[in-house]
Amino acid sequence: MAHTSRNTTLPGGVPKLSRSAVYKKRALYKRKKVATVPAVKEAALTKTKTVAGEKNGGTRVVAVQKSPRFYPTEDSKTPLKNRRVIKPTKLRTTIVPGSVVILLAGSHRGKRVVVLKQLPSGLLLVTGPYKINGVPLRRVDQTYVIATSTKVDLPALPAIGDEIFKRKGKPTKNEKEMFVDNAGDNSYKISAEKVALQKEIDALVVPAVKKVDMLQSYLRSRFTLTKGQFPHEMQF
């Protein structure tokens, strides 16, 4: 009798039995699974070295890696293995370039600003504009804003990255200047490059804001809550 397969093919090319059913019928679960472990060749710890001299034996067994002569006085810290992969921050669906959001933290909390874009660091780049409500170019975490349904059609903006917000490090003091108070000299001053960039952004964003009715007064007003008002029940 000719050998026939346990699994037949139905019309349309579909097998009658699934892969798990064939596995059960063939009793493959009874077979012993022996994994072949590759042979690991151990590295040699010693080597034979020829030694000159008649009374030295001719050869000598020495270590391949010579041990250090001195040991460190303190234990060296080894960093732990970290498998975390930094993923780009996912932007909320309610926030897009041109959205008007309400700041909830910082010196400008309560003010309404316009979102320009999301920076490579994941933070939002926002502005008042400065000419309207006094909020300059700032980086804000999307956790500390309330997104509104108001949007502005923004024109093409210049390329802005996180590097513009980096401050220069404070100069180190020598022994003579260590006990001298120079707090007034080390105060933060806005660079001329940032001021010029702010004027350039305001020149592009302010006309777009003026196209929307009552949006200027809306951006100038602060967000406040009175008794009996709850943000989670409001529609912005």
C-alpha atoms as a PDB file:
ATOM      1  CA  MET A   1       0.000   0.000   0.000  1.00  0.00           C
ATOM      2  CA  ALA A   2       1.378   3.335  -0.974  1.00  0.00           C
ATOM      3  CA  HIS A   3       2.148   5.781   1.776  1.00  0.00           C
ATOM      4  CA  THR A   4      -0.267   8.692   1.930  1.00  0.00           C
ATOM      5  CA  SER A   5       0.052  11.860   3.881  1.00  0.00           C
ATOM      6  CA  ARG A   6      -2.049  12.346   7.004  1.00  0.00           C
ATOM      7  CA  ASN A   7      -2.881  15.851   5.925  1.00  0.00           C
ATOM      8  CA  THR A   8      -4.892  16.227   2.725  1.00  0.00           C
ATOM      9  CA  THR A   9      -5.419  19.377   0.734  1.00  0.00           C
ATOM     10  CA  LEU A  10      -8.919  20.797   0.479  1.00  0.00           C
ATOM     11  CA  PRO A  11     -10.212  22.625  -2.611  1.00  0.00           C
ATOM     12  CA  GLY A  12      -8.529  26.005  -2.828  1.00  0.00           C
ATOM     13  CA  GLY A  13      -5.151  24.759  -1.582  1.00  0.00           C
ATOM     14  CA  VAL A  14      -6.050  24.890   2.130  1.00  0.00           C
ATOM     15  CA  PRO A  15      -4.703  21.960   4.254  1.00  0.00           C
ATOM     16  CA  LYS A  16      -7.272  19.919   6.156  1.00  0.00           C
ATOM     17  CA  LEU A  17      -5.256  19.766   9.384  1.00  0.00           C
ATOM     18  CA  SER A  18      -3.493  22.640  11.081  1.00  0.00           C
ATOM     19  CA  ARG A  19       0.163  22.613  12.035  1.00  0.00           C
ATOM     20  CA  SER A  20      -0.606  21.799  15.678  1.00  0.00           C
ATOM     21  CA  ALA A  21      -2.947  18.919  14.674  1.00  0.00           C
ATOM     22  CA  VAL A  22      -0.226  17.329  12.505  1.00  0.00           C
ATOM     23  CA  TYR A  23       2.247  17.755  15.362  1.00  0.00           C
ATOM     24  CA  LYS A  24      -0.123  15.828  17.643  1.00  0.00           C
ATOM     25  CA  LYS A  25      -0.845  13.053  15.093  1.00  0.00           C
ATOM     26  CA  ARG A  26       2.848  12.460  14.424  1.00  0.00           C
ATOM     27  CA  ALA A  27       3.508  12.360  18.195  1.00  0.00           C
ATOM     28  CA  LEU A  28       6.435  14.699  17.796  1.00  0.00           C
ATOM     29  CA  TYR A  29       6.050  15.729  21.433  1.00  0.00           C
ATOM     30  CA  LYS A  30       7.411  12.282  22.473  1.00  0.00           C
ATOM     31  CA  ARG A  31      10.742  12.819  20.773  1.00  0.00           C
ATOM     32  CA  LYS A  32      13.629  13.963  22.855  1.00  0.00           C
ATOM     33  CA  LYS A  33      14.926  17.369  21.889  1.00  0.00           C
ATOM     34  CA  VAL A  34      18.681  17.331  22.234  1.00  0.00           C
ATOM     35  CA  ALA A  35      20.324  20.675  21.658  1.00  0.00           C
ATOM     36  CA  THR A  36      23.843  20.574  20.332  1.00  0.00           C
ATOM     37  CA  VAL A  37      25.989  22.884  22.398  1.00  0.00           C
ATOM     38  CA  PRO A  38      28.863  24.352  20.400  1.00  0.00           C
ATOM     39  CA  ALA A  39      32.249  23.483  21.781  1.00  0.00           C
ATOM     40  CA  VAL A  40      33.835  26.454  23.477  1.00  0.00           C
ATOM     41  CA  LYS A  41      37.575  26.566  23.203  1.00  0.00           C
ATOM     42  CA  GLU A  42      39.046  27.786  26.442  1.00  0.00           C
ATOM     43  CA  ALA A  43      41.710  30.408  26.136  1.00  0.00           C
ATOM     44  CA  ALA A  44      45.130  29.377  27.355  1.00  0.00           C
ATOM     45  CA  LEU A  45      46.148  31.037  30.615  1.00  0.00           C
ATOM     46  CA  THR A  46      49.820  30.075  30.397  1.00  0.00           C
ATOM     47  CA  LYS A  47      52.443  29.809  27.704  1.00  0.00           C
ATOM     48  CA  THR A  48      55.897  28.220  27.431  1.00  0.00           C
ATOM     49  CA  LYS A  49      58.746  30.658  27.106  1.00  0.00           C
ATOM     50  CA  THR A  50      62.318  29.812  26.135  1.00  0.00           C
ATOM     51  CA  VAL A  51      64.870  30.927  28.665  1.00  0.00           C
ATOM     52  CA  ALA A  52      68.539  31.449  27.906  1.00  0.00           C
ATOM     53  CA  GLY A  53      71.234  30.001  30.103  1.00  0.00           C
ATOM     54  CA  GLU A  54      72.524  26.479  30.641  1.00  0.00           C
ATOM     55  CA  LYS A  55      71.301  26.138  34.250  1.00  0.00           C
ATOM     56  CA  ASN A  56      67.791  27.637  33.697  1.00  0.00           C
ATOM     57  CA  GLY A  57      66.176  24.578  32.127  1.00  0.00           C
ATOM     58  CA  GLY A  58      65.692  26.043  28.640  1.00  0.00           C
ATOM     59  CA  THR A  59      61.948  26.696  29.019  1.00  0.00           C
ATOM     60  CA  ARG A  60      59.646  28.216  31.590  1.00  0.00           C
ATOM     61  CA  VAL A  61      55.817  28.368  31.929  1.00  0.00           C
ATOM     62  CA  VAL A  62      54.586  31.930  32.412  1.00  0.00           C
ATOM     63  CA  ALA A  63      51.150  33.586  32.506  1.00  0.00           C
ATOM     64  CA  VAL A  64      49.766  34.936  29.236  1.00  0.00           C
ATOM     65  CA  GLN A  65      48.434  38.072  30.934  1.00  0.00           C
ATOM     66  CA  LYS A  66      50.785  39.421  33.521  1.00  0.00           C
ATOM     67  CA  SER A  67      49.145  40.442  36.788  1.00  0.00           C
ATOM     68  CA  PRO A  68      49.606  44.074  37.800  1.00  0.00           C
ATOM     69  CA  ARG A  69      52.348  44.895  40.229  1.00  0.00           C
ATOM     70  CA  PHE A  70      50.256  47.339  42.235  1.00  0.00           C
ATOM     71  CA  TYR A  71      46.554  47.270  43.087  1.00  0.00           C
ATOM     72  CA  PRO A  72      44.317  50.347  43.265  1.00  0.00           C
ATOM     73  CA  THR A  73      43.660  51.661  46.769  1.00  0.00           C
ATOM     74  CA  GLU A  74      39.980  52.308  45.995  1.00  0.00           C
ATOM     75  CA  ASP A  75      37.468  50.117  44.246  1.00  0.00           C
ATOM     76  CA  SER A  76      36.719  51.282  40.713  1.00  0.00           C
ATOM     77  CA  LYS A  77      33.018  51.728  40.012  1.00  0.00           C
ATOM     78  CA  THR A  78      31.756  49.828  37.010  1.00  0.00           C
ATOM     79  CA  PRO A  79      28.654  51.251  35.330  1.00  0.00           C
ATOM     80  CA  LEU A  80      25.577  49.063  35.300  1.00  0.00           C
ATOM     81  CA  LYS A  81      24.244  47.751  32.019  1.00  0.00           C
ATOM     82  CA  ASN A  82      21.381  49.825  30.700  1.00  0.00           C
ATOM     83  CA  ARG A  83      19.250  48.462  27.887  1.00  0.00           C
ATOM     84  CA  ARG A  84      16.926  51.449  27.792  1.00  0.00           C
ATOM     85  CA  VAL A  85      16.475  52.923  24.344  1.00  0.00           C
ATOM     86  CA  ILE A  86      15.653  56.616  24.176  1.00  0.00           C
ATOM     87  CA  LYS A  87      12.519  57.006  22.090  1.00  0.00           C
ATOM     88  CA  PRO A  88      11.257  60.297  20.637  1.00  0.00           C
ATOM     89  CA  THR A  89       8.557  61.981  22.703  1.00  0.00           C
ATOM     90  CA  LYS A  90       5.092  61.364  21.291  1.00  0.00           C
ATOM     91  CA  LEU A  91       3.166  64.594  20.780  1.00  0.00           C
ATOM     92  CA  ARG A  92      -0.441  64.785  21.976  1.00  0.00           C
ATOM     93  CA  THR A  93      -3.019  64.672  19.216  1.00  0.00           C
ATOM     94  CA  THR A  94      -4.618  67.894  20.513  1.00  0.00           C
ATOM     95  CA  ILE A  95      -1.381  69.863  19.997  1.00  0.00           C
ATOM     96  CA  VAL A  96      -0.217  70.796  16.491  1.00  0.00           C
ATOM     97  CA  PRO A  97       1.925  73.678  15.197  1.00  0.00           C
ATOM     98  CA  GLY A  98      -0.273  76.774  15.467  1.00  0.00           C
ATOM     99  CA  SER A  99      -2.346  75.577  18.432  1.00  0.00           C
ATOM    100  CA  VAL A 100      -3.042  78.002  21.260  1.00  0.00           C
ATOM    101  CA  VAL A 101      -2.222  76.465  24.644  1.00  0.00           C
ATOM    102  CA  ILE A 102      -2.427  77.671  28.253  1.00  0.00           C
ATOM    103  CA  LEU A 103       0.746  77.572  30.349  1.00  0.00           C
ATOM    104  CA  LEU A 104       0.342  75.961  33.779  1.00  0.00           C
ATOM    105  CA  ALA A 105       3.843  76.455  35.225  1.00  0.00           C
ATOM    106  CA  GLY A 106       6.693  78.907  35.151  1.00  0.00           C
ATOM    107  CA  SER A 107       6.849  82.669  35.382  1.00  0.00           C
ATOM    108  CA  HIS A 108       4.265  83.009  32.586  1.00  0.00           C
ATOM    109  CA  ARG A 109       1.703  80.557  34.018  1.00  0.00           C
ATOM    110  CA  GLY A 110      -1.861  81.409  33.138  1.00  0.00           C
ATOM    111  CA  LYS A 111      -0.938  83.033  29.825  1.00  0.00           C
ATOM    112  CA  ARG A 112      -2.038  81.797  26.424  1.00  0.00           C
ATOM    113  CA  VAL A 113       0.704  81.158  23.865  1.00  0.00           C
ATOM    114  CA  VAL A 114       1.074  79.823  20.322  1.00  0.00           C
ATOM    115  CA  VAL A 115       2.861  76.530  19.687  1.00  0.00           C
ATOM    116  CA  LEU A 116       5.430  76.850  16.899  1.00  0.00           C
ATOM    117  CA  LYS A 117       6.704  73.240  16.736  1.00  0.00           C
ATOM    118  CA  GLN A 118       8.132  70.323  18.707  1.00  0.00           C
ATOM    119  CA  LEU A 119      11.881  70.418  19.232  1.00  0.00           C
ATOM    120  CA  PRO A 120      14.155  67.346  18.912  1.00  0.00           C
ATOM    121  CA  SER A 121      14.349  67.215  22.722  1.00  0.00           C
ATOM    122  CA  GLY A 122      10.567  66.585  22.839  1.00  0.00           C
ATOM    123  CA  LEU A 123       9.748  70.002  24.331  1.00  0.00           C
ATOM    124  CA  LEU A 124       7.338  72.464  22.756  1.00  0.00           C
ATOM    125  CA  LEU A 125       8.620  75.714  21.271  1.00  0.00           C
ATOM    126  CA  VAL A 126       6.079  78.424  22.154  1.00  0.00           C
ATOM    127  CA  THR A 127       5.822  82.196  21.971  1.00  0.00           C
ATOM    128  CA  GLY A 128       3.230  84.784  23.021  1.00  0.00           C
ATOM    129  CA  PRO A 129       4.045  86.416  20.624  1.00  0.00           C
ATOM    130  CA  TYR A 130       6.213  88.704  22.733  1.00  0.00           C
ATOM    131  CA  LYS A 131       4.750  91.795  21.079  1.00  0.00           C
ATOM    132  CA  ILE A 132       1.233  90.841  22.209  1.00  0.00           C
ATOM    133  CA  ASN A 133       1.473  89.363  25.714  1.00  0.00           C
ATOM    134  CA  GLY A 134       5.180  89.501  26.603  1.00  0.00           C
ATOM    135  CA  VAL A 135       5.951  85.768  26.364  1.00  0.00           C
ATOM    136  CA  PRO A 136       9.270  85.238  24.508  1.00  0.00           C
ATOM    137  CA  LEU A 137      10.482  82.094  22.790  1.00  0.00           C
ATOM    138  CA  ARG A 138      10.375  79.372  25.402  1.00  0.00           C
ATOM    139  CA  ARG A 139      10.653  75.597  25.713  1.00  0.00           C
ATOM    140  CA  VAL A 140       7.734  74.014  27.570  1.00  0.00           C
ATOM    141  CA  ASP A 141       6.920  70.424  28.474  1.00  0.00           C
ATOM    142  CA  GLN A 142       3.580  69.367  27.001  1.00  0.00           C
ATOM    143  CA  THR A 143       2.591  68.028  30.448  1.00  0.00           C
ATOM    144  CA  TYR A 144       2.314  71.596  31.769  1.00  0.00           C
ATOM    145  CA  VAL A 145      -0.032  73.025  29.134  1.00  0.00           C
ATOM    146  CA  ILE A 146      -3.767  72.875  28.412  1.00  0.00           C
ATOM    147  CA  ALA A 147      -4.504  72.505  24.717  1.00  0.00           C
ATOM    148  CA  THR A 148      -7.338  74.593  23.255  1.00  0.00           C
ATOM    149  CA  SER A 149      -9.272  74.228  20.031  1.00  0.00           C
ATOM    150  CA  THR A 150      -8.050  77.636  18.780  1.00  0.00           C
ATOM    151  CA  LYS A 151      -5.482  77.418  15.993  1.00  0.00           C
ATOM    152  CA  VAL A 152      -3.443  79.867  13.941  1.00  0.00           C
ATOM    153  CA  ASP A 153      -2.250  79.337  10.376  1.00  0.00           C
ATOM    154  CA  LEU A 154       1.482  79.856  10.736  1.00  0.00           C
ATOM    155  CA  PRO A 155       3.742  80.778   7.812  1.00  0.00           C
ATOM    156  CA  ALA A 156       7.091  79.123   7.140  1.00  0.00           C
ATOM    157  CA  LEU A 157       9.327  79.733  10.160  1.00  0.00           C
ATOM    158  CA  PRO A 158      13.146  79.743  10.343  1.00  0.00           C
ATOM    159  CA  ALA A 159      14.933  76.643  11.617  1.00  0.00           C
ATOM    160  CA  ILE A 160      15.175  76.746  15.423  1.00  0.00           C
ATOM    161  CA  GLY A 161      16.782  74.049  17.582  1.00  0.00           C
ATOM    162  CA  ASP A 162      17.552  73.413  21.238  1.00  0.00           C
ATOM    163  CA  GLU A 163      21.040  74.866  20.890  1.00  0.00           C
ATOM    164  CA  ILE A 164      19.735  78.444  21.016  1.00  0.00           C
ATOM    165  CA  PHE A 165      18.584  77.916  24.615  1.00  0.00           C
ATOM    166  CA  LYS A 166      21.959  76.702  25.896  1.00  0.00           C
ATOM    167  CA  ARG A 167      23.665  79.132  28.235  1.00  0.00           C
ATOM    168  CA  LYS A 168      27.381  79.638  28.491  1.00  0.00           C
ATOM    169  CA  GLY A 169      29.096  78.166  31.536  1.00  0.00           C
ATOM    170  CA  LYS A 170      30.202  80.468  34.342  1.00  0.00           C
ATOM    171  CA  PRO A 171      33.930  81.294  34.297  1.00  0.00           C
ATOM    172  CA  THR A 172      35.977  79.624  37.022  1.00  0.00           C
ATOM    173  CA  LYS A 173      37.481  81.829  39.715  1.00  0.00           C
ATOM    174  CA  ASN A 174      41.118  81.761  40.711  1.00  0.00           C
ATOM    175  CA  GLU A 175      42.388  81.960  44.288  1.00  0.00           C
ATOM    176  CA  LYS A 176      42.326  85.752  44.353  1.00  0.00           C
ATOM    177  CA  GLU A 177      38.761  86.020  43.020  1.00  0.00           C
ATOM    178  CA  MET A 178      37.406  83.142  45.136  1.00  0.00           C
ATOM    179  CA  PHE A 179      36.234  85.365  48.011  1.00  0.00           C
ATOM    180  CA  VAL A 180      35.192  88.335  45.846  1.00  0.00           C
ATOM    181  CA  ASP A 181      31.454  88.762  45.295  1.00  0.00           C
ATOM    182  CA  ASN A 182      30.830  89.274  41.561  1.00  0.00           C
ATOM    183  CA  ALA A 183      27.129  88.422  41.554  1.00  0.00           C
ATOM    184  CA  GLY A 184      26.252  91.502  39.527  1.00  0.00           C
ATOM    185  CA  ASP A 185      28.679  90.630  36.731  1.00  0.00           C
ATOM    186  CA  ASN A 186      27.443  87.022  36.372  1.00  0.00           C
ATOM    187  CA  SER A 187      23.760  87.924  35.941  1.00  0.00           C
ATOM    188  CA  TYR A 188      22.089  86.408  32.881  1.00  0.00           C
ATOM    189  CA  LYS A 189      21.846  88.668  29.839  1.00  0.00           C
ATOM    190  CA  ILE A 190      19.852  87.905  26.704  1.00  0.00           C
ATOM    191  CA  SER A 191      22.091  87.590  23.682  1.00  0.00           C
ATOM    192  CA  ALA A 192      21.653  89.836  20.667  1.00  0.00           C
ATOM    193  CA  GLU A 193      21.116  86.773  18.493  1.00  0.00           C
ATOM    194  CA  LYS A 194      18.092  85.708  20.557  1.00  0.00           C
ATOM    195  CA  VAL A 195      16.629  89.220  20.477  1.00  0.00           C
ATOM    196  CA  ALA A 196      16.944  89.346  16.685  1.00  0.00           C
ATOM    197  CA  LEU A 197      15.346  85.915  16.380  1.00  0.00           C
ATOM    198  CA  GLN A 198      12.441  86.986  18.595  1.00  0.00           C
ATOM    199  CA  LYS A 199      11.776  90.019  16.393  1.00  0.00           C
ATOM    200  CA  GLU A 200      11.895  87.817  13.300  1.00  0.00           C
ATOM    201  CA  ILE A 201       9.381  85.342  14.803  1.00  0.00           C
ATOM    202  CA  ASP A 202       7.058  88.143  15.943  1.00  0.00           C
ATOM    203  CA  ALA A 203       7.087  89.646  12.450  1.00  0.00           C
ATOM    204  CA  LEU A 204       5.779  86.314  11.106  1.00  0.00           C
ATOM    205  CA  VAL A 205       3.363  85.262  13.862  1.00  0.00           C
ATOM    206  CA  VAL A 206       1.691  88.598  14.727  1.00  0.00           C
ATOM    207  CA  PRO A 207       0.120  89.075  11.231  1.00  0.00           C
ATOM    208  CA  ALA A 208      -1.222  85.529  11.396  1.00  0.00           C
ATOM    209  CA  VAL A 209      -2.782  86.257  14.811  1.00  0.00           C
ATOM    210  CA  LYS A 210      -4.401  89.476  13.560  1.00  0.00           C
ATOM    211  CA  LYS A 211      -6.223  87.530  10.845  1.00  0.00           C
ATOM    212  CA  VAL A 212      -8.350  85.763  13.509  1.00  0.00           C
ATOM    213  CA  ASP A 213     -11.066  87.906  15.114  1.00  0.00           C
ATOM    214  CA  MET A 214     -10.633  88.711  18.836  1.00  0.00           C
ATOM    215  CA  LEU A 215      -7.534  86.506  19.051  1.00  0.00           C
ATOM    216  CA  GLN A 216      -5.260  89.337  20.188  1.00  0.00           C
ATOM    217  CA  SER A 217      -7.424  90.098  23.234  1.00  0.00           C
ATOM    218  CA  TYR A 218      -7.756  86.346  23.859  1.00  0.00           C
ATOM    219  CA  LEU A 219      -3.963  85.951  24.015  1.00  0.00           C
ATOM    220  CA  ARG A 220      -3.580  89.009  26.257  1.00  0.00           C
ATOM    221  CA  SER A 221      -6.075  87.728  28.848  1.00  0.00           C
ATOM    222  CA  ARG A 222      -4.951  85.360  31.617  1.00  0.00           C
ATOM    223  CA  PHE A 223      -6.562  82.028  32.329  1.00  0.00           C
ATOM    224  CA  THR A 224      -8.202  82.044  35.766  1.00  0.00           C
ATOM    225  CA  LEU A 225     -10.654  79.849  37.639  1.00  0.00           C
ATOM    226  CA  THR A 226     -13.353  80.963  40.051  1.00  0.00           C
ATOM    227  CA  LYS A 227     -15.301  79.017  42.644  1.00  0.00           C
ATOM    228  CA  GLY A 228     -17.256  76.118  41.150  1.00  0.00           C
ATOM    229  CA  GLN A 229     -15.223  75.971  37.920  1.00  0.00           C
ATOM    230  CA  PHE A 230     -13.359  72.743  37.143  1.00  0.00           C
ATOM    231  CA  PRO A 231     -10.877  72.443  34.222  1.00  0.00           C
ATOM    232  CA  HIS A 232     -11.737  68.805  33.495  1.00  0.00           C
ATOM    233  CA  GLU A 233     -15.351  69.784  32.834  1.00  0.00           C
ATOM    234  CA  MET A 234     -14.510  72.633  30.448  1.00  0.00           C
ATOM    235  CA  GLN A 235     -14.100  72.616  26.690  1.00  0.00           C
ATOM    236  CA  PHE A 236     -11.284  74.846  25.554  1.00  0.00           C
END
